[in-house]
Amino acid sequence: MSHRFLCLWLLLILTAGGCGREGPGEAVATAVERASAEGMVLIPAGPFVMGSDKRDTEGLQARYGFEKTLYVNEHPPHRVDLPSFFIDRHEVTNAAFKAFVRQAGYPEPPVWIQNGYNVYDEKLRAAHVSNLRWIASDYFQLDLDTRTMEKEALLEALFEVQRYRDTLPVTGVTWFDAQNFCRWQGKRLPTEAEWEKAARGEDGREFPWGDEWRPEWTNTGAASEGPEAVMPVGSFPRDRSPYGVMDMGGNVSEWVADHYAPYPGSTLVLDPAEREHRVVRGGGAGVGHYSLSLFFRSARRAHADPAMRSTDVGFRCAMDAG
């Protein structure tokens, strides 16, 4: 157990009634041990300011042709008091979701069929060399002349691609897929408020790392477009929240539990379709306007039909600390 988790564990036990009591303290210790082993971070109980009063003083809506007035759905800033909870340090990876698909018999994301990630190692090993050459060129689209490659060389190249893909955040999943994965793990999707607190802390910072926009500190997708823009989780060590949660600025946007709705006291009016949407948080690297800092702010709210699949939308899980 890390020093940070040990301190939080002791704090929770004392809050539960002291080290001398059985039951609650043991339950808390078990929860912390499990969360630590599963790569989760404890977010302490307490208030924070959610939302913002930011305005489009730069004329970005007109300049870039945005349909909606920017920032309005973040208004007004308001105090939210949350109990302690755990949240995944990293976005859920392809490897983790593949384990869910195999063990639970869950449907695989359609994009895996298109790019060959759904082909398991044992099937590749059992395939004839002619089939491997076809798979390598048509599905994996290897930048190699596969026509004369022998089986061992092909397998080595294909496995290298698959192991890299294992480390990427899973994308192309619906809100329902994300919810079902978290439930399978005995967890849940974070609420919108939990996600924002985990990203910006209690001091209301603009980005997970602070108030200054540093595009080189997060994966904005500026280097390439499409699925190739997404990078392995934790690739940007400075994209780190006050609690040590990674990639909440960029890489992939993330489904959260909530229906999209105006904040208390807001003048925002939603159309009927928007009321059925779920909230998406965080900046994505896959599509458009990479250099605009507004897309990577911790208070930014996006939303989508829960059945939507996107190459730059994934998720992470949360868990009650009590």
Protein backbone atom coordinates (compact mmCIF):
# COMPACT_ATOMS: atom_id res chain seq x y z
CA MET A 1 0.00 0.00 0.00
CA SER A 2 1.36 3.44 -0.97
CA HIS A 3 2.03 6.10 1.66
CA ARG A 4 -0.87 8.14 0.28
CA PHE A 5 -3.32 5.24 0.56
CA LEU A 6 -2.05 4.38 4.04
CA CYS A 7 -2.72 7.92 5.27
CA LEU A 8 -6.18 7.98 3.72
CA TRP A 9 -6.92 4.54 5.14
CA LEU A 10 -6.02 5.67 8.67
CA LEU A 11 -8.08 8.83 8.24
CA LEU A 12 -11.13 6.85 7.16
CA ILE A 13 -10.78 4.39 10.04
CA LEU A 14 -10.60 7.22 12.56
CA THR A 15 -13.65 8.81 10.97
CA ALA A 16 -15.47 5.49 11.22
CA GLY A 17 -14.98 5.42 14.98
CA GLY A 18 -11.38 4.56 15.88
CA CYS A 19 -8.88 1.74 15.41
CA GLY A 20 -10.19 -0.21 18.37
CA ARG A 21 -13.57 -0.96 16.82
CA GLU A 22 -14.23 -4.01 14.69
CA GLY A 23 -16.47 -4.03 11.64
CA PRO A 24 -16.53 -0.57 10.03
CA GLY A 25 -12.76 -0.11 10.16
CA GLU A 26 -12.19 -3.55 8.67
CA ALA A 27 -14.69 -2.83 5.91
CA VAL A 28 -13.00 0.46 5.09
CA ALA A 29 -9.57 -1.17 5.06
CA THR A 30 -10.84 -3.87 2.72
CA ALA A 31 -12.33 -1.28 0.37
CA VAL A 32 -9.12 0.75 0.29
CA GLU A 33 -6.97 -2.33 -0.28
CA ARG A 34 -9.20 -3.45 -3.13
CA ALA A 35 -9.31 -0.01 -4.73
CA SER A 36 -5.54 0.39 -4.45
CA ALA A 37 -4.95 -3.03 -6.00
CA GLU A 38 -7.31 -2.19 -8.86
CA GLY A 39 -5.64 1.12 -9.63
CA MET A 40 -8.23 3.42 -8.10
CA VAL A 41 -7.73 6.73 -6.30
CA LEU A 42 -9.59 7.86 -3.18
CA ILE A 43 -11.23 11.27 -3.52
CA PRO A 44 -11.87 12.63 -0.02
CA ALA A 45 -15.27 13.85 1.14
CA GLY A 46 -15.98 17.55 1.08
CA PRO A 47 -17.27 20.44 -1.00
CA PHE A 48 -16.01 21.89 -4.25
CA VAL A 49 -17.28 24.48 -6.73
CA MET A 50 -18.78 22.86 -9.83
CA GLY A 51 -19.30 24.69 -13.10
CA SER A 52 -18.12 28.16 -14.08
CA ASP A 53 -19.21 31.69 -14.93
CA LYS A 54 -16.99 31.80 -18.01
CA ARG A 55 -18.13 33.81 -21.07
CA ASP A 56 -17.10 33.77 -24.73
CA THR A 57 -15.24 37.06 -24.64
CA GLU A 58 -13.05 36.05 -27.62
CA GLY A 59 -15.87 35.53 -30.12
CA LEU A 60 -15.00 31.84 -30.55
CA GLN A 61 -18.55 30.85 -31.42
CA ALA A 62 -18.65 33.12 -34.45
CA ARG A 63 -15.04 32.42 -35.44
CA TYR A 64 -15.42 28.63 -35.50
CA GLY A 65 -19.11 28.36 -36.31
CA PHE A 66 -20.29 26.64 -33.14
CA GLU A 67 -24.06 26.17 -33.05
CA LYS A 68 -24.46 26.55 -29.29
CA THR A 69 -23.35 29.49 -27.17
CA LEU A 70 -20.15 28.45 -25.45
CA TYR A 71 -19.91 27.88 -21.70
CA VAL A 72 -23.63 28.50 -20.98
CA ASN A 73 -24.25 24.90 -19.89
CA GLU A 74 -21.58 25.34 -17.18
CA HIS A 75 -23.52 28.18 -15.52
CA PRO A 76 -23.90 28.96 -12.72
CA PRO A 77 -20.98 27.87 -10.55
CA HIS A 78 -22.38 26.14 -7.50
CA ARG A 79 -21.15 24.35 -4.39
CA VAL A 80 -21.48 20.56 -4.32
CA ASP A 81 -20.67 18.52 -1.22
CA LEU A 82 -19.71 14.92 -2.01
CA PRO A 83 -18.99 11.92 0.18
CA SER A 84 -15.66 10.17 -0.39
CA PHE A 85 -15.42 7.86 -3.39
CA PHE A 86 -12.92 5.95 -5.48
CA ILE A 87 -12.24 6.58 -9.17
CA ASP A 88 -10.01 4.78 -11.64
CA ARG A 89 -6.60 6.39 -11.96
CA HIS A 90 -6.59 5.62 -15.68
CA GLU A 91 -9.19 5.28 -18.38
CA VAL A 92 -10.40 1.71 -18.95
CA THR A 93 -8.12 0.04 -21.49
CA ASN A 94 -8.83 -2.19 -24.47
CA ALA A 95 -7.20 -5.07 -22.58
CA ALA A 96 -9.56 -4.67 -19.62
CA PHE A 97 -12.61 -4.43 -21.85
CA LYS A 98 -11.45 -7.46 -23.85
CA ALA A 99 -11.32 -9.47 -20.62
CA PHE A 100 -14.94 -8.43 -20.02
CA VAL A 101 -15.92 -9.48 -23.54
CA ARG A 102 -14.28 -12.89 -23.17
CA GLN A 103 -15.31 -13.71 -19.62
CA ALA A 104 -18.84 -12.30 -19.68
CA GLY A 105 -19.65 -13.16 -23.29
CA TYR A 106 -20.34 -9.50 -23.96
CA PRO A 107 -20.54 -8.17 -27.56
CA GLU A 108 -17.29 -6.66 -28.73
CA PRO A 109 -17.14 -3.07 -30.03
CA PRO A 110 -17.77 -3.08 -33.80
CA VAL A 111 -14.51 -1.26 -34.45
CA TRP A 112 -12.61 -4.35 -33.24
CA ILE A 113 -14.08 -6.33 -36.13
CA GLN A 114 -12.95 -3.67 -38.55
CA ASN A 115 -9.36 -3.40 -37.31
CA GLY A 116 -8.66 -7.00 -36.25
CA TYR A 117 -8.40 -6.41 -32.51
CA ASN A 118 -11.11 -9.03 -32.00
CA VAL A 119 -8.75 -11.76 -33.26
CA TYR A 120 -7.24 -13.51 -30.23
CA ASP A 121 -3.64 -14.66 -30.06
CA GLU A 122 -4.53 -18.37 -30.21
CA LYS A 123 -6.46 -17.86 -33.46
CA LEU A 124 -3.53 -16.02 -35.00
CA ARG A 125 -1.15 -18.82 -34.00
CA ALA A 126 -3.46 -21.43 -35.52
CA ALA A 127 -3.97 -19.55 -38.80
CA HIS A 128 -2.27 -20.60 -42.04
CA VAL A 129 0.45 -18.25 -43.22
CA SER A 130 -1.61 -17.20 -46.27
CA ASN A 131 -4.46 -16.14 -44.00
CA LEU A 132 -2.06 -14.27 -41.73
CA ARG A 133 -0.76 -12.31 -44.71
CA TRP A 134 -4.31 -11.34 -45.63
CA ILE A 135 -5.20 -10.39 -42.04
CA ALA A 136 -2.01 -8.35 -41.70
CA SER A 137 -2.64 -6.34 -44.87
CA ASP A 138 -6.43 -5.99 -44.95
CA TYR A 139 -7.31 -5.70 -41.25
CA PHE A 140 -4.16 -4.64 -39.41
CA GLN A 141 -2.98 -2.60 -42.41
CA LEU A 142 0.66 -3.15 -41.51
CA ASP A 143 3.09 -0.86 -43.29
CA LEU A 144 5.03 -3.91 -44.45
CA ASP A 145 5.23 -6.05 -47.56
CA THR A 146 3.46 -9.07 -46.07
CA ARG A 147 3.31 -11.08 -49.30
CA THR A 148 6.53 -12.98 -48.65
CA MET A 149 6.72 -12.80 -44.85
CA GLU A 150 6.92 -16.11 -43.01
CA LYS A 151 4.59 -17.06 -40.21
CA GLU A 152 6.86 -16.27 -37.27
CA ALA A 153 7.68 -12.82 -38.61
CA LEU A 154 4.01 -12.14 -39.26
CA LEU A 155 3.02 -13.28 -35.77
CA GLU A 156 5.69 -11.11 -34.18
CA ALA A 157 4.43 -8.05 -36.08
CA LEU A 158 0.77 -8.76 -35.33
CA PHE A 159 1.38 -9.42 -31.64
CA GLU A 160 3.32 -6.16 -31.38
CA VAL A 161 0.30 -4.28 -32.74
CA GLN A 162 -2.10 -6.12 -30.41
CA ARG A 163 0.02 -5.49 -27.30
CA TYR A 164 0.14 -1.79 -28.14
CA ARG A 165 -3.61 -1.71 -28.65
CA ASP A 166 -4.03 -3.40 -25.26
CA THR A 167 -2.66 -0.26 -23.59
CA LEU A 168 -5.00 2.17 -25.35
CA PRO A 169 -8.20 3.40 -23.71
CA VAL A 170 -11.18 1.50 -25.04
CA THR A 171 -13.29 3.58 -27.44
CA GLY A 172 -16.19 2.91 -29.75
CA VAL A 173 -18.34 1.94 -26.77
CA THR A 174 -21.81 3.18 -25.92
CA TRP A 175 -22.87 4.54 -22.55
CA PHE A 176 -24.61 1.21 -21.94
CA ASP A 177 -21.38 -0.69 -22.65
CA ALA A 178 -19.52 1.50 -20.18
CA GLN A 179 -22.18 1.04 -17.53
CA ASN A 180 -22.25 -2.74 -18.02
CA PHE A 181 -18.47 -3.03 -17.77
CA CYS A 182 -18.38 -1.08 -14.51
CA ARG A 183 -21.17 -3.20 -13.05
CA TRP A 184 -19.31 -6.36 -14.08
CA GLN A 185 -16.36 -5.13 -12.04
CA GLY A 186 -18.58 -4.35 -9.04
CA LYS A 187 -18.23 -0.63 -9.72
CA ARG A 188 -20.25 2.08 -11.46
CA LEU A 189 -19.81 5.05 -13.72
CA PRO A 190 -18.79 8.22 -11.87
CA THR A 191 -21.37 10.94 -11.53
CA GLU A 192 -20.72 14.17 -13.36
CA ALA A 193 -19.95 15.91 -10.08
CA GLU A 194 -17.53 13.16 -9.02
CA TRP A 195 -15.72 13.36 -12.34
CA GLU A 196 -15.33 17.14 -12.12
CA LYS A 197 -14.11 17.10 -8.54
CA ALA A 198 -11.60 14.36 -9.34
CA ALA A 199 -10.37 16.45 -12.30
CA ARG A 200 -10.11 19.93 -10.81
CA GLY A 201 -9.91 19.44 -7.05
CA GLU A 202 -11.28 21.85 -4.46
CA ASP A 203 -9.47 24.94 -5.73
CA GLY A 204 -11.50 25.28 -8.95
CA ARG A 205 -8.56 24.96 -11.32
CA GLU A 206 -9.23 25.37 -15.04
CA PHE A 207 -7.31 22.24 -16.10
CA PRO A 208 -6.30 19.18 -14.09
CA TRP A 209 -2.76 20.53 -13.69
CA GLY A 210 -3.67 24.17 -12.97
CA ASP A 211 -5.05 27.33 -14.58
CA GLU A 212 -2.54 27.78 -17.41
CA TRP A 213 -3.24 26.13 -20.77
CA ARG A 214 -0.31 23.85 -21.65
CA PRO A 215 -1.20 21.89 -24.81
CA GLU A 216 2.03 19.87 -24.60
CA TRP A 217 0.95 18.51 -21.21
CA THR A 218 -2.02 16.54 -22.53
CA ASN A 219 -3.00 14.54 -25.59
CA THR A 220 -4.89 17.06 -27.72
CA GLY A 221 -4.55 14.91 -30.83
CA ALA A 222 -2.54 17.60 -32.58
CA ALA A 223 -0.02 15.07 -33.88
CA SER A 224 -2.50 12.99 -35.90
CA GLU A 225 -6.20 12.55 -36.56
CA GLY A 226 -8.66 9.71 -36.06
CA PRO A 227 -8.07 6.61 -33.91
CA GLU A 228 -4.29 6.99 -34.25
CA ALA A 229 -4.46 10.15 -32.15
CA VAL A 230 -5.40 8.20 -29.01
CA MET A 231 -2.38 7.14 -26.95
CA PRO A 232 -1.73 4.59 -24.18
CA VAL A 233 -3.20 5.60 -20.83
CA GLY A 234 -0.83 7.64 -18.69
CA SER A 235 1.33 8.76 -21.62
CA PHE A 236 1.23 12.37 -20.42
CA PRO A 237 2.41 12.39 -16.79
CA ARG A 238 1.62 16.10 -16.39
CA ASP A 239 -2.03 15.54 -17.29
CA ARG A 240 -2.57 14.70 -13.65
CA SER A 241 -5.31 15.98 -11.36
CA PRO A 242 -4.71 17.19 -7.78
CA TYR A 243 -5.53 13.66 -6.58
CA GLY A 244 -3.30 11.88 -9.10
CA VAL A 245 -6.01 10.89 -11.59
CA MET A 246 -4.56 10.75 -15.09
CA ASP A 247 -5.72 11.85 -18.55
CA MET A 248 -8.67 13.94 -17.43
CA GLY A 249 -7.58 16.79 -19.69
CA GLY A 250 -7.14 14.93 -22.96
CA ASN A 251 -6.71 11.58 -24.72
CA VAL A 252 -10.35 10.43 -24.77
CA SER A 253 -13.55 12.00 -23.55
CA GLU A 254 -15.45 9.92 -21.02
CA TRP A 255 -19.02 8.83 -20.40
CA VAL A 256 -20.37 9.61 -16.93
CA ALA A 257 -23.55 8.44 -15.24
CA ASP A 258 -25.79 11.50 -15.50
CA HIS A 259 -28.47 12.51 -17.92
CA TYR A 260 -27.67 15.88 -19.47
CA ALA A 261 -29.57 18.56 -17.58
CA PRO A 262 -29.21 22.26 -16.66
CA TYR A 263 -27.48 23.04 -13.40
CA PRO A 264 -29.62 24.38 -10.53
CA GLY A 265 -30.39 28.04 -11.22
CA SER A 266 -29.43 27.78 -14.89
CA THR A 267 -31.36 29.47 -17.70
CA LEU A 268 -30.29 26.73 -20.17
CA VAL A 269 -33.17 25.28 -22.19
CA LEU A 270 -32.78 21.80 -23.70
CA ASP A 271 -34.57 20.38 -26.70
CA PRO A 272 -36.39 17.03 -26.26
CA ALA A 273 -33.56 14.95 -27.77
CA GLU A 274 -30.95 16.53 -25.49
CA ARG A 275 -32.94 15.51 -22.41
CA GLU A 276 -32.29 11.87 -23.32
CA HIS A 277 -28.54 12.41 -23.70
CA ARG A 278 -25.86 11.36 -21.23
CA VAL A 279 -23.01 13.62 -20.20
CA VAL A 280 -19.53 13.23 -21.68
CA ARG A 281 -16.59 14.78 -19.84
CA GLY A 282 -12.96 15.55 -20.69
CA GLY A 283 -11.17 16.41 -23.91
CA GLY A 284 -10.83 13.91 -26.74
CA ALA A 285 -7.91 13.57 -29.12
CA GLY A 286 -9.77 12.11 -32.08
CA VAL A 287 -11.64 14.88 -33.83
CA GLY A 288 -11.33 18.60 -34.52
CA HIS A 289 -10.15 21.92 -32.98
CA TYR A 290 -7.20 20.36 -31.15
CA SER A 291 -5.57 23.62 -30.16
CA LEU A 292 -8.64 25.19 -28.55
CA SER A 293 -8.14 25.05 -24.82
CA LEU A 294 -11.88 25.23 -24.13
CA PHE A 295 -12.27 21.56 -25.13
CA PHE A 296 -9.87 20.39 -22.42
CA ARG A 297 -11.16 22.41 -19.45
CA SER A 298 -12.32 20.45 -16.41
CA ALA A 299 -15.66 22.29 -16.20
CA ARG A 300 -16.55 21.69 -19.85
CA ARG A 301 -19.69 19.66 -20.47
CA ALA A 302 -20.49 17.69 -23.60
CA HIS A 303 -23.36 15.29 -24.19
CA ALA A 304 -24.44 12.57 -26.61
CA ASP A 305 -27.05 9.94 -27.31
CA PRO A 306 -26.17 7.05 -24.98
CA ALA A 307 -26.13 4.68 -27.98
CA MET A 308 -23.43 6.72 -29.72
CA ARG A 309 -20.03 5.19 -30.47
CA SER A 310 -17.00 7.38 -31.11
CA THR A 311 -13.31 6.79 -31.73
CA ASP A 312 -12.42 9.29 -28.99
CA VAL A 313 -14.96 8.53 -26.26
CA GLY A 314 -14.22 5.99 -23.53
CA PHE A 315 -14.79 5.91 -19.78
CA ARG A 316 -13.46 5.12 -16.32
CA CYS A 317 -15.23 3.57 -13.32
CA ALA A 318 -15.94 4.75 -9.79
CA MET A 319 -16.86 3.05 -6.53
CA ASP A 320 -18.38 4.13 -3.23
CA ALA A 321 -15.87 4.46 -0.40
CA GLY A 322 -18.34 3.70 2.35
